[in-house]
Amino acid sequence: MSALQEFRQHKDAFFKQHPQSPLSAAQKAIFTGLNYFPENDALRLTLELEPYAQPEAIQMQTSRGDLRDFLKVGQIRFPVNGQEVTLQVYESEDNPGEYFVPFADATAPHETYGAGRYLEPERVGPTKLLVDFNLAYNPYCVYGDRWSCPIPPAENRLNVRIEAGEKNFAAH
């Protein structure tokens, strides 16, 4: 079993059994696992973070209509199917030093959540990030309206397909 398969197995167990699962009791009763794209090594990337000299304070709209504060700290560039794309990298004011990349791609809304998915790149050097799209996940608002989730800004909406990570949630 790969590390990703093991991670997904643990995540499914958390969703099914844990008291802090985003699923309701009714959803847990019929839950058989999240839907995923197959592991895609081509979308596990070590990328240069291009930091901005002056991070920009922004507000992201959420699924409930409120606003959340973030700092736009830099960007990453990478190729997907021969096309170079750029994503903005953010930090939450609640979690400085932890990067957040909300994005939507051309798999939405038919294969992935229409509002977008999330990534939390890992710092692997002074200016390098491990960006593993196999770990792209749905925000909790997918599972119920009691959650309020940041909606990826227009600048992080891609015209390419990111065929990695979580797919649409099926209530089974």
C-alpha atoms as a PDB file:
ATOM      1  CA  MET A   1       0.000   0.000   0.000  1.00  0.00           C
ATOM      2  CA  SER A   2       1.375   3.405  -0.956  1.00  0.00           C
ATOM      3  CA  ALA A   3       1.617   6.260   1.543  1.00  0.00           C
ATOM      4  CA  LEU A   4      -1.198   8.006  -0.335  1.00  0.00           C
ATOM      5  CA  GLN A   5      -3.455   4.933  -0.154  1.00  0.00           C
ATOM      6  CA  GLU A   6      -2.772   4.688   3.575  1.00  0.00           C
ATOM      7  CA  PHE A   7      -3.518   8.403   4.027  1.00  0.00           C
ATOM      8  CA  ARG A   8      -6.821   8.011   2.164  1.00  0.00           C
ATOM      9  CA  GLN A   9      -7.755   4.962   4.234  1.00  0.00           C
ATOM     10  CA  HIS A  10      -7.151   6.913   7.467  1.00  0.00           C
ATOM     11  CA  LYS A  11      -9.122   9.888   6.161  1.00  0.00           C
ATOM     12  CA  ASP A  12     -12.080   7.657   5.253  1.00  0.00           C
ATOM     13  CA  ALA A  13     -11.979   6.123   8.752  1.00  0.00           C
ATOM     14  CA  PHE A  14     -11.952   9.624  10.295  1.00  0.00           C
ATOM     15  CA  PHE A  15     -14.970  10.638   8.206  1.00  0.00           C
ATOM     16  CA  LYS A  16     -16.866   7.458   9.115  1.00  0.00           C
ATOM     17  CA  GLN A  17     -16.069   7.242  12.842  1.00  0.00           C
ATOM     18  CA  HIS A  18     -14.613  10.387  14.383  1.00  0.00           C
ATOM     19  CA  PRO A  19     -16.805  12.783  16.420  1.00  0.00           C
ATOM     20  CA  GLN A  20     -15.207  15.746  14.584  1.00  0.00           C
ATOM     21  CA  SER A  21     -16.021  14.327  11.145  1.00  0.00           C
ATOM     22  CA  PRO A  22     -17.771  16.829   8.873  1.00  0.00           C
ATOM     23  CA  LEU A  23     -20.431  14.215   8.132  1.00  0.00           C
ATOM     24  CA  SER A  24     -23.788  14.128   9.874  1.00  0.00           C
ATOM     25  CA  ALA A  25     -24.837  10.962  11.717  1.00  0.00           C
ATOM     26  CA  ALA A  26     -27.099  10.060   8.775  1.00  0.00           C
ATOM     27  CA  GLN A  27     -24.226  10.545   6.311  1.00  0.00           C
ATOM     28  CA  LYS A  28     -21.873   8.449   8.470  1.00  0.00           C
ATOM     29  CA  ALA A  29     -24.396   5.593   8.546  1.00  0.00           C
ATOM     30  CA  ILE A  30     -24.176   5.125   4.769  1.00  0.00           C
ATOM     31  CA  PHE A  31     -20.626   6.409   4.144  1.00  0.00           C
ATOM     32  CA  THR A  32     -18.365   3.950   2.318  1.00  0.00           C
ATOM     33  CA  GLY A  33     -15.472   6.264   1.453  1.00  0.00           C
ATOM     34  CA  LEU A  34     -14.553   9.397  -0.446  1.00  0.00           C
ATOM     35  CA  ASN A  35     -14.087   9.383  -4.222  1.00  0.00           C
ATOM     36  CA  TYR A  36     -10.576  10.004  -5.537  1.00  0.00           C
ATOM     37  CA  PHE A  37      -8.687  10.281  -8.775  1.00  0.00           C
ATOM     38  CA  PRO A  38      -6.022   7.578  -9.111  1.00  0.00           C
ATOM     39  CA  GLU A  39      -2.623   8.552  -7.712  1.00  0.00           C
ATOM     40  CA  ASN A  40      -0.894  10.863 -10.199  1.00  0.00           C
ATOM     41  CA  ASP A  41       2.871  11.207  -9.706  1.00  0.00           C
ATOM     42  CA  ALA A  42       3.031  13.904 -12.400  1.00  0.00           C
ATOM     43  CA  LEU A  43       1.039  16.196 -10.096  1.00  0.00           C
ATOM     44  CA  ARG A  44       3.325  15.803  -7.054  1.00  0.00           C
ATOM     45  CA  LEU A  45       5.609  18.780  -7.580  1.00  0.00           C
ATOM     46  CA  THR A  46       8.407  20.585  -5.792  1.00  0.00           C
ATOM     47  CA  LEU A  47       7.973  24.199  -6.833  1.00  0.00           C
ATOM     48  CA  GLU A  48       9.621  27.518  -6.242  1.00  0.00           C
ATOM     49  CA  LEU A  49       7.483  29.889  -4.210  1.00  0.00           C
ATOM     50  CA  GLU A  50       7.774  33.294  -5.855  1.00  0.00           C
ATOM     51  CA  PRO A  51       7.157  35.491  -2.799  1.00  0.00           C
ATOM     52  CA  TYR A  52       5.734  38.976  -3.116  1.00  0.00           C
ATOM     53  CA  ALA A  53       7.859  41.755  -1.629  1.00  0.00           C
ATOM     54  CA  GLN A  54       4.720  43.140  -0.004  1.00  0.00           C
ATOM     55  CA  PRO A  55       2.133  40.447   0.792  1.00  0.00           C
ATOM     56  CA  GLU A  56      -1.351  41.727   0.009  1.00  0.00           C
ATOM     57  CA  ALA A  57      -4.147  41.586   2.575  1.00  0.00           C
ATOM     58  CA  ILE A  58      -7.261  40.233   0.887  1.00  0.00           C
ATOM     59  CA  GLN A  59     -10.673  38.973   1.876  1.00  0.00           C
ATOM     60  CA  MET A  60     -12.135  35.780   0.453  1.00  0.00           C
ATOM     61  CA  GLN A  61     -15.857  35.286   0.145  1.00  0.00           C
ATOM     62  CA  THR A  62     -17.129  32.145   1.868  1.00  0.00           C
ATOM     63  CA  SER A  63     -19.902  29.713   1.064  1.00  0.00           C
ATOM     64  CA  ARG A  64     -22.076  31.413   3.694  1.00  0.00           C
ATOM     65  CA  GLY A  65     -21.460  34.917   2.370  1.00  0.00           C
ATOM     66  CA  ASP A  66     -19.102  36.158   5.070  1.00  0.00           C
ATOM     67  CA  LEU A  67     -15.512  37.240   4.434  1.00  0.00           C
ATOM     68  CA  ARG A  68     -12.252  35.717   5.686  1.00  0.00           C
ATOM     69  CA  ASP A  69      -8.939  37.557   5.898  1.00  0.00           C
ATOM     70  CA  PHE A  70      -5.861  36.170   4.136  1.00  0.00           C
ATOM     71  CA  LEU A  71      -2.473  37.376   3.004  1.00  0.00           C
ATOM     72  CA  LYS A  72      -1.521  36.723  -0.621  1.00  0.00           C
ATOM     73  CA  VAL A  73       2.133  35.871  -0.065  1.00  0.00           C
ATOM     74  CA  GLY A  74       3.326  34.648  -3.462  1.00  0.00           C
ATOM     75  CA  GLN A  75       2.683  32.425  -6.417  1.00  0.00           C
ATOM     76  CA  ILE A  76       3.692  29.091  -7.885  1.00  0.00           C
ATOM     77  CA  ARG A  77       4.018  28.173 -11.569  1.00  0.00           C
ATOM     78  CA  PHE A  78       3.930  24.680 -13.013  1.00  0.00           C
ATOM     79  CA  PRO A  79       3.093  22.787 -16.205  1.00  0.00           C
ATOM     80  CA  VAL A  80      -0.075  20.730 -16.654  1.00  0.00           C
ATOM     81  CA  ASN A  81      -0.404  18.807 -19.909  1.00  0.00           C
ATOM     82  CA  GLY A  82       2.084  21.118 -21.619  1.00  0.00           C
ATOM     83  CA  GLN A  83       0.471  24.347 -20.408  1.00  0.00           C
ATOM     84  CA  GLU A  84       2.084  26.537 -17.745  1.00  0.00           C
ATOM     85  CA  VAL A  85      -0.325  27.714 -15.069  1.00  0.00           C
ATOM     86  CA  THR A  86      -0.019  29.948 -12.022  1.00  0.00           C
ATOM     87  CA  LEU A  87      -1.698  29.711  -8.635  1.00  0.00           C
ATOM     88  CA  GLN A  88      -1.649  32.280  -5.863  1.00  0.00           C
ATOM     89  CA  VAL A  89      -0.483  31.154  -2.425  1.00  0.00           C
ATOM     90  CA  TYR A  90      -2.129  32.501   0.723  1.00  0.00           C
ATOM     91  CA  GLU A  91      -1.652  32.485   4.476  1.00  0.00           C
ATOM     92  CA  SER A  92      -4.566  32.723   6.863  1.00  0.00           C
ATOM     93  CA  GLU A  93      -4.286  35.350   9.567  1.00  0.00           C
ATOM     94  CA  ASP A  94      -5.255  32.519  11.938  1.00  0.00           C
ATOM     95  CA  ASN A  95      -2.352  30.281  10.788  1.00  0.00           C
ATOM     96  CA  PRO A  96       0.672  32.374   9.789  1.00  0.00           C
ATOM     97  CA  GLY A  97       3.408  30.322   8.160  1.00  0.00           C
ATOM     98  CA  GLU A  98       0.947  27.708   6.877  1.00  0.00           C
ATOM     99  CA  TYR A  99       0.261  27.989   3.172  1.00  0.00           C
ATOM    100  CA  PHE A 100      -3.183  27.655   1.614  1.00  0.00           C
ATOM    101  CA  VAL A 101      -3.982  27.216  -2.078  1.00  0.00           C
ATOM    102  CA  PRO A 102      -7.694  27.192  -2.880  1.00  0.00           C
ATOM    103  CA  PHE A 103      -8.297  26.409  -6.559  1.00  0.00           C
ATOM    104  CA  ALA A 104     -10.831  25.292  -9.110  1.00  0.00           C
ATOM    105  CA  ASP A 105      -9.962  23.589 -12.370  1.00  0.00           C
ATOM    106  CA  ALA A 106     -11.600  22.248 -15.527  1.00  0.00           C
ATOM    107  CA  THR A 107     -12.754  19.058 -13.749  1.00  0.00           C
ATOM    108  CA  ALA A 108     -15.327  21.184 -11.865  1.00  0.00           C
ATOM    109  CA  PRO A 109     -18.280  20.842 -11.505  1.00  0.00           C
ATOM    110  CA  HIS A 110     -18.782  17.470 -13.214  1.00  0.00           C
ATOM    111  CA  GLU A 111     -15.963  15.514 -11.553  1.00  0.00           C
ATOM    112  CA  THR A 112     -14.912  17.738  -8.673  1.00  0.00           C
ATOM    113  CA  TYR A 113     -16.677  20.197  -6.390  1.00  0.00           C
ATOM    114  CA  GLY A 114     -17.812  23.167  -8.469  1.00  0.00           C
ATOM    115  CA  ALA A 115     -16.678  25.839  -6.017  1.00  0.00           C
ATOM    116  CA  GLY A 116     -13.162  24.380  -5.860  1.00  0.00           C
ATOM    117  CA  ARG A 117     -10.787  22.319  -3.770  1.00  0.00           C
ATOM    118  CA  TYR A 118      -8.011  23.106  -1.300  1.00  0.00           C
ATOM    119  CA  LEU A 119      -4.319  22.325  -0.959  1.00  0.00           C
ATOM    120  CA  GLU A 120      -1.900  23.008   1.872  1.00  0.00           C
ATOM    121  CA  PRO A 121       1.597  22.924   0.361  1.00  0.00           C
ATOM    122  CA  GLU A 122       4.458  21.880   2.580  1.00  0.00           C
ATOM    123  CA  ARG A 123       7.592  23.992   2.858  1.00  0.00           C
ATOM    124  CA  VAL A 124      10.569  21.802   1.888  1.00  0.00           C
ATOM    125  CA  GLY A 125      13.270  24.468   1.666  1.00  0.00           C
ATOM    126  CA  PRO A 126      13.736  28.192   2.111  1.00  0.00           C
ATOM    127  CA  THR A 127      11.784  28.945  -1.089  1.00  0.00           C
ATOM    128  CA  LYS A 128      10.564  25.484  -2.136  1.00  0.00           C
ATOM    129  CA  LEU A 129       7.116  23.986  -1.646  1.00  0.00           C
ATOM    130  CA  LEU A 130       5.921  20.422  -2.034  1.00  0.00           C
ATOM    131  CA  VAL A 131       2.633  20.822  -3.917  1.00  0.00           C
ATOM    132  CA  ASP A 132       0.943  17.425  -4.099  1.00  0.00           C
ATOM    133  CA  PHE A 133      -2.356  17.643  -5.945  1.00  0.00           C
ATOM    134  CA  ASN A 134      -3.047  14.043  -4.886  1.00  0.00           C
ATOM    135  CA  LEU A 135      -3.836  15.641  -1.508  1.00  0.00           C
ATOM    136  CA  ALA A 136      -6.289  18.188  -2.963  1.00  0.00           C
ATOM    137  CA  TYR A 137      -9.429  17.978  -0.884  1.00  0.00           C
ATOM    138  CA  ASN A 138     -12.995  19.216  -0.751  1.00  0.00           C
ATOM    139  CA  PRO A 139     -13.873  21.927   1.765  1.00  0.00           C
ATOM    140  CA  TYR A 140     -16.158  20.851   4.592  1.00  0.00           C
ATOM    141  CA  CYS A 141     -19.073  22.879   3.177  1.00  0.00           C
ATOM    142  CA  VAL A 142     -19.439  20.046   0.626  1.00  0.00           C
ATOM    143  CA  TYR A 143     -20.784  17.838   3.426  1.00  0.00           C
ATOM    144  CA  GLY A 144     -23.319  20.179   4.967  1.00  0.00           C
ATOM    145  CA  ASP A 145     -24.483  23.770   5.260  1.00  0.00           C
ATOM    146  CA  ARG A 146     -23.249  24.173   8.821  1.00  0.00           C
ATOM    147  CA  TRP A 147     -19.758  24.894   7.425  1.00  0.00           C
ATOM    148  CA  SER A 148     -18.497  28.168   5.968  1.00  0.00           C
ATOM    149  CA  CYS A 149     -15.671  27.699   3.463  1.00  0.00           C
ATOM    150  CA  PRO A 150     -13.533  30.195   1.529  1.00  0.00           C
ATOM    151  CA  ILE A 151     -14.322  30.187  -2.185  1.00  0.00           C
ATOM    152  CA  PRO A 152     -11.237  30.163  -4.429  1.00  0.00           C
ATOM    153  CA  PRO A 153     -10.748  33.614  -5.972  1.00  0.00           C
ATOM    154  CA  ALA A 154     -10.975  34.083  -9.750  1.00  0.00           C
ATOM    155  CA  GLU A 155      -7.175  34.246 -10.025  1.00  0.00           C
ATOM    156  CA  ASN A 156      -7.004  30.603  -8.837  1.00  0.00           C
ATOM    157  CA  ARG A 157      -9.511  29.241 -11.348  1.00  0.00           C
ATOM    158  CA  LEU A 158      -7.658  27.198 -13.944  1.00  0.00           C
ATOM    159  CA  ASN A 159      -8.697  26.234 -17.466  1.00  0.00           C
ATOM    160  CA  VAL A 160      -6.731  22.966 -17.250  1.00  0.00           C
ATOM    161  CA  ARG A 161      -7.738  19.672 -15.686  1.00  0.00           C
ATOM    162  CA  ILE A 162      -6.061  18.743 -12.385  1.00  0.00           C
ATOM    163  CA  GLU A 163      -6.771  15.005 -12.358  1.00  0.00           C
ATOM    164  CA  ALA A 164      -5.614  14.301  -8.817  1.00  0.00           C
ATOM    165  CA  GLY A 165      -7.063  14.405  -5.323  1.00  0.00           C
ATOM    166  CA  GLU A 166     -10.666  14.196  -4.203  1.00  0.00           C
ATOM    167  CA  LYS A 167     -13.581  14.009  -6.588  1.00  0.00           C
ATOM    168  CA  ASN A 168     -17.193  15.008  -5.985  1.00  0.00           C
ATOM    169  CA  PHE A 169     -18.719  13.698  -2.775  1.00  0.00           C
ATOM    170  CA  ALA A 170     -21.376  11.087  -3.344  1.00  0.00           C
ATOM    171  CA  ALA A 171     -23.730  10.586  -0.441  1.00  0.00           C
ATOM    172  CA  HIS A 172     -23.998   6.905  -1.512  1.00  0.00           C
END
